[in-house]
Amino acid sequence: MWPGYEYVFNDVLTGWESIAEFLGVSVEDCKLLNEALGMPIQRNSEDIVFALPMELDTWIIAYSDGLEAGKRMGNMDTIKKEGS
């Protein structure tokens, strides 16, 4: 489980704000992470982004070293460079 977020098995995180809160990063950094590292984000027919916490858990474990490095730098520039 990630910073300040409790969820149940079938929760759906809807919108960038919810996803960013789940990850403990800003919305801007969340979008950078998605662009650079391809988070498991989906879009519905109305083009609204959503994600499942369990999928994000799996994804964040795979990229945890990069995320922690970005947090230590104070921004996600490190992540963007790694993902390029």
N, C-alpha and C. Protein backbone atom coordinates (compact mmCIF):
# COMPACT_ATOMS: atom_id res chain seq x y z
N MET A 1 0.85 -1.17 0.00
CA MET A 1 0.00 0.00 0.00
C MET A 1 0.90 1.24 0.00
N TRP A 2 0.45 2.28 -0.69
CA TRP A 2 1.26 3.47 -0.88
C TRP A 2 0.78 4.62 0.00
N PRO A 3 1.52 5.71 0.03
CA PRO A 3 1.32 6.77 1.01
C PRO A 3 -0.12 7.24 1.19
N GLY A 4 -0.63 7.09 2.41
CA GLY A 4 -1.90 7.67 2.77
C GLY A 4 -3.12 7.16 2.04
N TYR A 5 -3.04 5.99 1.44
CA TYR A 5 -4.18 5.51 0.68
C TYR A 5 -4.53 4.10 1.12
N GLU A 6 -5.78 3.90 1.46
CA GLU A 6 -6.26 2.57 1.79
C GLU A 6 -7.28 2.19 0.73
N TYR A 7 -7.19 0.98 0.25
CA TYR A 7 -8.11 0.56 -0.79
C TYR A 7 -8.56 -0.86 -0.56
N VAL A 8 -9.62 -1.20 -1.23
CA VAL A 8 -10.10 -2.57 -1.22
C VAL A 8 -9.83 -3.18 -2.58
N PHE A 9 -9.95 -4.47 -2.66
CA PHE A 9 -9.57 -5.23 -3.85
C PHE A 9 -10.11 -4.64 -5.15
N ASN A 10 -11.36 -4.24 -5.17
CA ASN A 10 -11.97 -3.83 -6.44
C ASN A 10 -12.12 -2.32 -6.60
N ASP A 11 -11.36 -1.52 -5.84
CA ASP A 11 -11.38 -0.07 -6.05
C ASP A 11 -10.88 0.27 -7.45
N VAL A 12 -11.38 1.36 -7.97
CA VAL A 12 -10.87 1.91 -9.22
C VAL A 12 -10.48 3.36 -8.93
N LEU A 13 -9.27 3.72 -9.31
CA LEU A 13 -8.80 5.09 -9.16
C LEU A 13 -9.17 5.83 -10.44
N THR A 14 -9.99 6.86 -10.32
CA THR A 14 -10.47 7.58 -11.49
C THR A 14 -9.89 8.98 -11.51
N GLY A 15 -9.24 9.31 -12.61
CA GLY A 15 -8.64 10.64 -12.79
C GLY A 15 -7.20 10.69 -12.31
N TRP A 16 -6.46 11.64 -12.87
CA TRP A 16 -5.05 11.80 -12.53
C TRP A 16 -4.85 12.11 -11.06
N GLU A 17 -5.77 12.89 -10.47
CA GLU A 17 -5.62 13.28 -9.07
C GLU A 17 -5.63 12.05 -8.15
N SER A 18 -6.56 11.14 -8.38
CA SER A 18 -6.66 9.93 -7.55
C SER A 18 -5.44 9.03 -7.73
N ILE A 19 -5.00 8.90 -8.96
CA ILE A 19 -3.83 8.06 -9.24
C ILE A 19 -2.59 8.66 -8.61
N ALA A 20 -2.42 9.98 -8.74
CA ALA A 20 -1.27 10.67 -8.15
C ALA A 20 -1.28 10.54 -6.63
N GLU A 21 -2.45 10.70 -6.02
CA GLU A 21 -2.55 10.56 -4.56
C GLU A 21 -2.15 9.15 -4.14
N PHE A 22 -2.61 8.16 -4.85
CA PHE A 22 -2.27 6.78 -4.55
C PHE A 22 -0.75 6.57 -4.58
N LEU A 23 -0.09 7.16 -5.58
CA LEU A 23 1.36 7.00 -5.74
C LEU A 23 2.16 7.93 -4.82
N GLY A 24 1.51 8.95 -4.26
CA GLY A 24 2.22 9.88 -3.40
C GLY A 24 3.07 10.88 -4.16
N VAL A 25 2.62 11.23 -5.38
CA VAL A 25 3.34 12.20 -6.21
C VAL A 25 2.34 13.26 -6.68
N SER A 26 2.85 14.33 -7.29
CA SER A 26 1.97 15.35 -7.85
C SER A 26 1.32 14.83 -9.13
N VAL A 27 0.27 15.51 -9.57
CA VAL A 27 -0.40 15.13 -10.82
C VAL A 27 0.59 15.27 -11.98
N GLU A 28 1.37 16.33 -11.99
CA GLU A 28 2.36 16.53 -13.05
C GLU A 28 3.36 15.37 -13.08
N ASP A 29 3.86 14.99 -11.92
CA ASP A 29 4.81 13.88 -11.85
C ASP A 29 4.15 12.56 -12.25
N CYS A 30 2.91 12.39 -11.89
CA CYS A 30 2.17 11.19 -12.27
C CYS A 30 2.09 11.06 -13.79
N LYS A 31 1.79 12.17 -14.45
CA LYS A 31 1.72 12.16 -15.91
C LYS A 31 3.08 11.88 -16.53
N LEU A 32 4.15 12.45 -15.92
CA LEU A 32 5.50 12.17 -16.41
C LEU A 32 5.84 10.69 -16.27
N LEU A 33 5.48 10.10 -15.13
CA LEU A 33 5.71 8.68 -14.93
C LEU A 33 4.99 7.85 -15.98
N ASN A 34 3.77 8.21 -16.27
CA ASN A 34 3.01 7.48 -17.27
C ASN A 34 3.66 7.60 -18.64
N GLU A 35 4.06 8.81 -18.99
CA GLU A 35 4.69 9.05 -20.30
C GLU A 35 6.03 8.30 -20.42
N ALA A 36 6.83 8.36 -19.37
CA ALA A 36 8.18 7.80 -19.43
C ALA A 36 8.22 6.29 -19.22
N LEU A 37 7.36 5.79 -18.33
CA LEU A 37 7.48 4.38 -17.93
C LEU A 37 6.25 3.54 -18.22
N GLY A 38 5.23 4.14 -18.78
CA GLY A 38 4.06 3.38 -19.18
C GLY A 38 3.31 2.73 -18.04
N MET A 39 2.75 3.55 -17.16
CA MET A 39 1.95 3.01 -16.06
C MET A 39 0.74 2.26 -16.63
N PRO A 40 0.19 1.35 -15.85
CA PRO A 40 -1.00 0.61 -16.30
C PRO A 40 -2.26 1.47 -16.17
N ILE A 41 -2.32 2.49 -17.00
CA ILE A 41 -3.44 3.44 -17.02
C ILE A 41 -4.33 3.07 -18.20
N GLN A 42 -5.63 3.16 -17.98
CA GLN A 42 -6.58 2.90 -19.05
C GLN A 42 -7.46 4.13 -19.22
N ARG A 43 -8.17 4.19 -20.32
CA ARG A 43 -9.10 5.29 -20.58
C ARG A 43 -10.45 4.69 -20.94
N ASN A 44 -11.50 5.32 -20.42
CA ASN A 44 -12.83 4.84 -20.77
C ASN A 44 -13.30 5.50 -22.07
N SER A 45 -14.53 5.23 -22.47
CA SER A 45 -15.04 5.76 -23.73
C SER A 45 -15.14 7.29 -23.74
N GLU A 46 -15.14 7.90 -22.57
CA GLU A 46 -15.18 9.36 -22.47
C GLU A 46 -13.78 9.95 -22.30
N ASP A 47 -12.75 9.13 -22.50
CA ASP A 47 -11.34 9.53 -22.42
C ASP A 47 -10.92 9.92 -21.00
N ILE A 48 -11.59 9.38 -20.00
CA ILE A 48 -11.22 9.60 -18.60
C ILE A 48 -10.25 8.51 -18.18
N VAL A 49 -9.13 8.90 -17.58
CA VAL A 49 -8.13 7.91 -17.16
C VAL A 49 -8.58 7.23 -15.87
N PHE A 50 -8.21 5.95 -15.76
CA PHE A 50 -8.45 5.21 -14.53
C PHE A 50 -7.42 4.11 -14.41
N ALA A 51 -7.26 3.62 -13.19
CA ALA A 51 -6.29 2.56 -12.92
C ALA A 51 -6.78 1.72 -11.75
N LEU A 52 -6.32 0.50 -11.71
CA LEU A 52 -6.62 -0.41 -10.60
C LEU A 52 -5.43 -0.42 -9.64
N PRO A 53 -5.69 -0.25 -8.35
CA PRO A 53 -4.59 -0.23 -7.37
C PRO A 53 -3.68 -1.45 -7.45
N MET A 54 -4.27 -2.63 -7.64
CA MET A 54 -3.42 -3.83 -7.71
C MET A 54 -2.46 -3.78 -8.89
N GLU A 55 -2.91 -3.26 -10.03
CA GLU A 55 -2.03 -3.13 -11.19
C GLU A 55 -0.94 -2.09 -10.93
N LEU A 56 -1.31 -1.00 -10.27
CA LEU A 56 -0.31 0.01 -9.93
C LEU A 56 0.71 -0.53 -8.92
N ASP A 57 0.24 -1.33 -7.96
CA ASP A 57 1.16 -1.97 -7.01
C ASP A 57 2.22 -2.78 -7.74
N THR A 58 1.78 -3.59 -8.67
CA THR A 58 2.70 -4.44 -9.43
C THR A 58 3.66 -3.58 -10.25
N TRP A 59 3.12 -2.54 -10.90
CA TRP A 59 3.95 -1.66 -11.72
C TRP A 59 4.97 -0.92 -10.87
N ILE A 60 4.54 -0.38 -9.73
CA ILE A 60 5.45 0.44 -8.92
C ILE A 60 6.58 -0.40 -8.34
N ILE A 61 6.32 -1.64 -8.01
CA ILE A 61 7.38 -2.52 -7.52
C ILE A 61 8.43 -2.72 -8.61
N ALA A 62 7.98 -2.86 -9.84
CA ALA A 62 8.92 -3.05 -10.96
C ALA A 62 9.80 -1.82 -11.18
N TYR A 63 9.27 -0.62 -10.89
CA TYR A 63 10.00 0.62 -11.13
C TYR A 63 10.36 1.36 -9.85
N SER A 64 10.34 0.69 -8.72
CA SER A 64 10.52 1.38 -7.44
C SER A 64 11.87 2.09 -7.32
N ASP A 65 12.91 1.53 -7.86
CA ASP A 65 14.21 2.19 -7.78
C ASP A 65 14.18 3.53 -8.49
N GLY A 66 13.59 3.59 -9.66
CA GLY A 66 13.51 4.83 -10.41
C GLY A 66 12.64 5.86 -9.73
N LEU A 67 11.52 5.44 -9.15
CA LEU A 67 10.62 6.36 -8.47
C LEU A 67 11.30 6.95 -7.24
N GLU A 68 11.97 6.13 -6.46
CA GLU A 68 12.65 6.63 -5.27
C GLU A 68 13.76 7.60 -5.66
N ALA A 69 14.47 7.32 -6.74
CA ALA A 69 15.52 8.23 -7.20
C ALA A 69 14.90 9.58 -7.59
N GLY A 70 13.75 9.55 -8.26
CA GLY A 70 13.07 10.77 -8.65
C GLY A 70 12.60 11.56 -7.45
N LYS A 71 12.09 10.87 -6.43
CA LYS A 71 11.63 11.55 -5.22
C LYS A 71 12.80 12.21 -4.50
N ARG A 72 13.96 11.52 -4.46
CA ARG A 72 15.13 12.10 -3.80
C ARG A 72 15.60 13.36 -4.52
N MET A 73 15.42 13.40 -5.84
CA MET A 73 15.82 14.55 -6.63
C MET A 73 14.82 15.70 -6.46
N GLY A 74 13.64 15.41 -5.93
CA GLY A 74 12.64 16.44 -5.74
C GLY A 74 11.74 16.64 -6.95
N ASN A 75 11.99 15.90 -8.01
CA ASN A 75 11.12 15.97 -9.18
C ASN A 75 11.28 14.67 -9.97
N MET A 76 10.58 14.58 -11.06
CA MET A 76 10.62 13.34 -11.84
C MET A 76 11.51 13.46 -13.07
N ASP A 77 12.39 14.47 -13.13
CA ASP A 77 13.29 14.59 -14.27
C ASP A 77 14.12 13.33 -14.44
N THR A 78 14.53 12.73 -13.33
CA THR A 78 15.30 11.49 -13.38
C THR A 78 14.51 10.40 -14.08
N ILE A 79 13.24 10.29 -13.75
CA ILE A 79 12.38 9.27 -14.34
C ILE A 79 12.23 9.50 -15.82
N LYS A 80 12.00 10.74 -16.22
CA LYS A 80 11.81 11.05 -17.64
C LYS A 80 13.06 10.68 -18.42
N LYS A 81 14.24 10.97 -17.88
CA LYS A 81 15.48 10.63 -18.57
C LYS A 81 15.67 9.13 -18.66
N GLU A 82 15.33 8.39 -17.59
CA GLU A 82 15.47 6.94 -17.58
C GLU A 82 14.51 6.30 -18.58
N GLY A 83 13.33 6.87 -18.74
CA GLY A 83 12.32 6.29 -19.61
C GLY A 83 12.53 6.62 -21.07
N SER A 84 13.38 7.60 -21.38
CA SER A 84 13.60 8.01 -22.77
C SER A 84 14.45 7.02 -23.51
